[in-house]
Amino acid sequence: MELLAALTAGGLAGIGMWLLLDRNLIRVVLGVAILGNAINLAVLTAGRFAGADVPFVTATSIPPDPVNPLPQALVLTAIVIGFGLFAFALAVLKSVRESHGITTTDRVTEVTEEAAPDQEEPGFPSGQDDEDRVHAPGGRR
């Protein structure tokens, strides 16, 4: 059972990395979610599935082969954090699509590197380059 879970975690990690390398942002977000689930499964597998008893110690008995509860608690916390990250990434993706109408990484990079039209310095036309600004009276030096 542990071998099957380890192979599944490896397969999910490979699929997640493949999706992360795509240019479409929707696939990148899905890749992050799948990679997070692969890591959760790997941590759970490393904490071992084999265990016959619940990890409760009473005053009269100690279980001979308890299951390790720490990986389960860590994975439960990681699932909640991963869901929050996924919801936030989808909200950012929706905002980018509504404001720019695109979801490819190349075009988003081009759009974000353009100068904003409202950030021009007063007194200089938008077509004037930086060299003209340096030599103009009152320009920066």
C-alpha atoms as a PDB file:
ATOM      1  CA  MET A   1       0.000   0.000   0.000  1.00  0.00           C
ATOM      2  CA  GLU A   2       2.840   2.381   0.827  1.00  0.00           C
ATOM      3  CA  LEU A   3       4.547   1.645  -2.496  1.00  0.00           C
ATOM      4  CA  LEU A   4       1.367   2.481  -4.391  1.00  0.00           C
ATOM      5  CA  ALA A   5       0.964   5.728  -2.442  1.00  0.00           C
ATOM      6  CA  ALA A   6       4.604   6.672  -3.067  1.00  0.00           C
ATOM      7  CA  LEU A   7       4.255   6.022  -6.798  1.00  0.00           C
ATOM      8  CA  THR A   8       1.029   8.036  -6.874  1.00  0.00           C
ATOM      9  CA  ALA A   9       2.711  10.932  -5.063  1.00  0.00           C
ATOM     10  CA  GLY A  10       5.577  10.831  -7.569  1.00  0.00           C
ATOM     11  CA  GLY A  11       3.167  10.748 -10.505  1.00  0.00           C
ATOM     12  CA  LEU A  12       1.173  13.663  -9.120  1.00  0.00           C
ATOM     13  CA  ALA A  13       4.382  15.631  -8.534  1.00  0.00           C
ATOM     14  CA  GLY A  14       5.420  15.025 -12.136  1.00  0.00           C
ATOM     15  CA  ILE A  15       2.037  16.131 -13.472  1.00  0.00           C
ATOM     16  CA  GLY A  16       2.093  19.201 -11.230  1.00  0.00           C
ATOM     17  CA  MET A  17       5.569  20.225 -12.408  1.00  0.00           C
ATOM     18  CA  TRP A  18       4.553  19.685 -16.043  1.00  0.00           C
ATOM     19  CA  LEU A  19       1.554  21.968 -15.564  1.00  0.00           C
ATOM     20  CA  LEU A  20       3.696  24.589 -13.791  1.00  0.00           C
ATOM     21  CA  LEU A  21       5.903  24.900 -16.877  1.00  0.00           C
ATOM     22  CA  ASP A  22       2.991  25.791 -19.172  1.00  0.00           C
ATOM     23  CA  ARG A  23       2.403  29.319 -20.470  1.00  0.00           C
ATOM     24  CA  ASN A  24      -1.287  29.313 -19.626  1.00  0.00           C
ATOM     25  CA  LEU A  25      -1.903  30.694 -16.138  1.00  0.00           C
ATOM     26  CA  ILE A  26      -4.919  28.457 -15.542  1.00  0.00           C
ATOM     27  CA  ARG A  27      -2.702  25.404 -15.941  1.00  0.00           C
ATOM     28  CA  VAL A  28      -0.065  26.967 -13.686  1.00  0.00           C
ATOM     29  CA  VAL A  29      -2.631  27.414 -10.905  1.00  0.00           C
ATOM     30  CA  LEU A  30      -3.833  23.828 -11.356  1.00  0.00           C
ATOM     31  CA  GLY A  31      -0.203  22.676 -11.298  1.00  0.00           C
ATOM     32  CA  VAL A  32       0.337  24.383  -7.948  1.00  0.00           C
ATOM     33  CA  ALA A  33      -2.752  22.647  -6.538  1.00  0.00           C
ATOM     34  CA  ILE A  34      -1.733  19.219  -7.849  1.00  0.00           C
ATOM     35  CA  LEU A  35       1.845  19.634  -6.631  1.00  0.00           C
ATOM     36  CA  GLY A  36       0.541  20.576  -3.172  1.00  0.00           C
ATOM     37  CA  ASN A  37      -1.600  17.446  -3.080  1.00  0.00           C
ATOM     38  CA  ALA A  38       1.392  15.350  -4.165  1.00  0.00           C
ATOM     39  CA  ILE A  39       3.469  16.740  -1.310  1.00  0.00           C
ATOM     40  CA  ASN A  40       0.642  16.065   1.147  1.00  0.00           C
ATOM     41  CA  LEU A  41       0.415  12.470  -0.037  1.00  0.00           C
ATOM     42  CA  ALA A  42       4.201  12.074   0.206  1.00  0.00           C
ATOM     43  CA  VAL A  43       4.222  13.353   3.802  1.00  0.00           C
ATOM     44  CA  LEU A  44       1.353  11.054   4.713  1.00  0.00           C
ATOM     45  CA  THR A  45       3.129   8.114   3.085  1.00  0.00           C
ATOM     46  CA  ALA A  46       6.380   8.885   4.879  1.00  0.00           C
ATOM     47  CA  GLY A  47       4.455   8.861   8.169  1.00  0.00           C
ATOM     48  CA  ARG A  48       3.575   5.244   7.318  1.00  0.00           C
ATOM     49  CA  PHE A  49       0.183   3.732   6.761  1.00  0.00           C
ATOM     50  CA  ALA A  50       0.953   0.530   8.623  1.00  0.00           C
ATOM     51  CA  GLY A  51      -0.319   0.754  12.133  1.00  0.00           C
ATOM     52  CA  ALA A  52      -2.949  -1.373  13.719  1.00  0.00           C
ATOM     53  CA  ASP A  53      -4.021   0.724  16.689  1.00  0.00           C
ATOM     54  CA  VAL A  54      -5.153   4.251  17.339  1.00  0.00           C
ATOM     55  CA  PRO A  55      -2.489   6.381  19.063  1.00  0.00           C
ATOM     56  CA  PHE A  56      -4.351   6.828  22.347  1.00  0.00           C
ATOM     57  CA  VAL A  57      -2.537   5.991  25.539  1.00  0.00           C
ATOM     58  CA  THR A  58      -4.656   5.267  28.566  1.00  0.00           C
ATOM     59  CA  ALA A  59      -3.693   4.751  32.189  1.00  0.00           C
ATOM     60  CA  THR A  60      -3.988   0.989  31.814  1.00  0.00           C
ATOM     61  CA  SER A  61      -2.667   0.277  28.317  1.00  0.00           C
ATOM     62  CA  ILE A  62      -0.193   1.430  25.699  1.00  0.00           C
ATOM     63  CA  PRO A  63      -0.948   0.336  22.131  1.00  0.00           C
ATOM     64  CA  PRO A  64       1.742  -1.994  20.742  1.00  0.00           C
ATOM     65  CA  ASP A  65       1.691  -0.685  17.134  1.00  0.00           C
ATOM     66  CA  PRO A  66       0.181   2.816  17.026  1.00  0.00           C
ATOM     67  CA  VAL A  67      -0.265   4.963  13.949  1.00  0.00           C
ATOM     68  CA  ASN A  68       1.799   8.159  13.891  1.00  0.00           C
ATOM     69  CA  PRO A  69      -0.678  11.080  14.237  1.00  0.00           C
ATOM     70  CA  LEU A  70       1.808  13.883  13.461  1.00  0.00           C
ATOM     71  CA  PRO A  71       1.867  13.487   9.641  1.00  0.00           C
ATOM     72  CA  GLN A  72      -1.921  13.347   9.637  1.00  0.00           C
ATOM     73  CA  ALA A  73      -2.133  16.614  11.566  1.00  0.00           C
ATOM     74  CA  LEU A  74       0.441  18.273   9.322  1.00  0.00           C
ATOM     75  CA  VAL A  75      -1.357  17.155   6.161  1.00  0.00           C
ATOM     76  CA  LEU A  76      -4.701  18.347   7.501  1.00  0.00           C
ATOM     77  CA  THR A  77      -3.182  21.779   8.139  1.00  0.00           C
ATOM     78  CA  ALA A  78      -1.539  21.779   4.691  1.00  0.00           C
ATOM     79  CA  ILE A  79      -4.856  20.938   3.032  1.00  0.00           C
ATOM     80  CA  VAL A  80      -6.500  23.976   4.604  1.00  0.00           C
ATOM     81  CA  ILE A  81      -3.601  26.259   3.666  1.00  0.00           C
ATOM     82  CA  GLY A  82      -3.479  24.800   0.148  1.00  0.00           C
ATOM     83  CA  PHE A  83      -7.186  25.422  -0.345  1.00  0.00           C
ATOM     84  CA  GLY A  84      -6.754  29.044   0.741  1.00  0.00           C
ATOM     85  CA  LEU A  85      -3.810  29.467  -1.641  1.00  0.00           C
ATOM     86  CA  PHE A  86      -5.799  27.922  -4.491  1.00  0.00           C
ATOM     87  CA  ALA A  87      -8.787  30.194  -3.857  1.00  0.00           C
ATOM     88  CA  PHE A  88      -6.513  33.262  -3.736  1.00  0.00           C
ATOM     89  CA  ALA A  89      -4.727  32.232  -6.955  1.00  0.00           C
ATOM     90  CA  LEU A  90      -8.067  31.774  -8.715  1.00  0.00           C
ATOM     91  CA  ALA A  91      -9.182  35.221  -7.550  1.00  0.00           C
ATOM     92  CA  VAL A  92      -5.964  36.798  -8.861  1.00  0.00           C
ATOM     93  CA  LEU A  93      -6.336  34.891 -12.129  1.00  0.00           C
ATOM     94  CA  LYS A  94      -9.920  36.110 -12.490  1.00  0.00           C
ATOM     95  CA  SER A  95      -8.792  39.680 -11.842  1.00  0.00           C
ATOM     96  CA  VAL A  96      -6.037  39.427 -14.458  1.00  0.00           C
ATOM     97  CA  ARG A  97      -8.435  37.984 -17.002  1.00  0.00           C
ATOM     98  CA  GLU A  98     -11.035  40.706 -16.364  1.00  0.00           C
ATOM     99  CA  SER A  99      -8.547  43.576 -16.464  1.00  0.00           C
ATOM    100  CA  HIS A 100      -6.384  42.403 -19.374  1.00  0.00           C
ATOM    101  CA  GLY A 101      -8.468  39.732 -21.109  1.00  0.00           C
ATOM    102  CA  ILE A 102      -5.511  37.326 -21.197  1.00  0.00           C
ATOM    103  CA  THR A 103      -4.166  34.355 -19.275  1.00  0.00           C
ATOM    104  CA  THR A 104      -0.831  33.625 -20.965  1.00  0.00           C
ATOM    105  CA  THR A 105       2.361  34.382 -19.102  1.00  0.00           C
ATOM    106  CA  ASP A 106       4.144  36.097 -22.003  1.00  0.00           C
ATOM    107  CA  ARG A 107       1.388  38.623 -22.616  1.00  0.00           C
ATOM    108  CA  VAL A 108       0.875  39.275 -18.890  1.00  0.00           C
ATOM    109  CA  THR A 109       4.606  40.015 -18.580  1.00  0.00           C
ATOM    110  CA  GLU A 110       4.410  42.460 -21.498  1.00  0.00           C
ATOM    111  CA  VAL A 111       1.398  44.218 -20.009  1.00  0.00           C
ATOM    112  CA  THR A 112       2.890  44.541 -16.537  1.00  0.00           C
ATOM    113  CA  GLU A 113       6.182  45.941 -17.830  1.00  0.00           C
ATOM    114  CA  GLU A 114       4.495  48.756 -19.806  1.00  0.00           C
ATOM    115  CA  ALA A 115       4.554  52.181 -18.212  1.00  0.00           C
ATOM    116  CA  ALA A 116       1.253  53.254 -16.749  1.00  0.00           C
ATOM    117  CA  PRO A 117      -0.276  56.213 -18.617  1.00  0.00           C
ATOM    118  CA  ASP A 118      -1.043  58.124 -15.426  1.00  0.00           C
ATOM    119  CA  GLN A 119       2.544  57.874 -14.135  1.00  0.00           C
ATOM    120  CA  GLU A 120       4.091  60.381 -16.585  1.00  0.00           C
ATOM    121  CA  GLU A 121       6.036  63.314 -15.198  1.00  0.00           C
ATOM    122  CA  PRO A 122       4.274  66.669 -15.541  1.00  0.00           C
ATOM    123  CA  GLY A 123       5.629  68.972 -18.237  1.00  0.00           C
ATOM    124  CA  PHE A 124       6.958  66.237 -20.510  1.00  0.00           C
ATOM    125  CA  PRO A 125       5.009  64.741 -23.390  1.00  0.00           C
ATOM    126  CA  SER A 126       4.632  60.982 -23.365  1.00  0.00           C
ATOM    127  CA  GLY A 127       6.765  60.523 -26.509  1.00  0.00           C
ATOM    128  CA  GLN A 128       9.839  62.183 -25.030  1.00  0.00           C
ATOM    129  CA  ASP A 129      12.575  59.752 -24.035  1.00  0.00           C
ATOM    130  CA  ASP A 130      14.805  59.786 -20.960  1.00  0.00           C
ATOM    131  CA  GLU A 131      17.792  61.393 -22.684  1.00  0.00           C
ATOM    132  CA  ASP A 132      15.707  64.469 -23.550  1.00  0.00           C
ATOM    133  CA  ARG A 133      14.596  64.702 -19.932  1.00  0.00           C
ATOM    134  CA  VAL A 134      18.174  64.740 -18.627  1.00  0.00           C
ATOM    135  CA  HIS A 135      19.233  67.618 -20.879  1.00  0.00           C
ATOM    136  CA  ALA A 136      16.015  69.606 -20.525  1.00  0.00           C
ATOM    137  CA  PRO A 137      15.985  72.549 -18.109  1.00  0.00           C
ATOM    138  CA  GLY A 138      14.766  71.375 -14.731  1.00  0.00           C
ATOM    139  CA  GLY A 139      15.241  67.731 -15.743  1.00  0.00           C
ATOM    140  CA  ARG A 140      16.821  65.187 -13.490  1.00  0.00           C
ATOM    141  CA  ARG A 141      20.589  64.741 -13.527  1.00  0.00           C
END
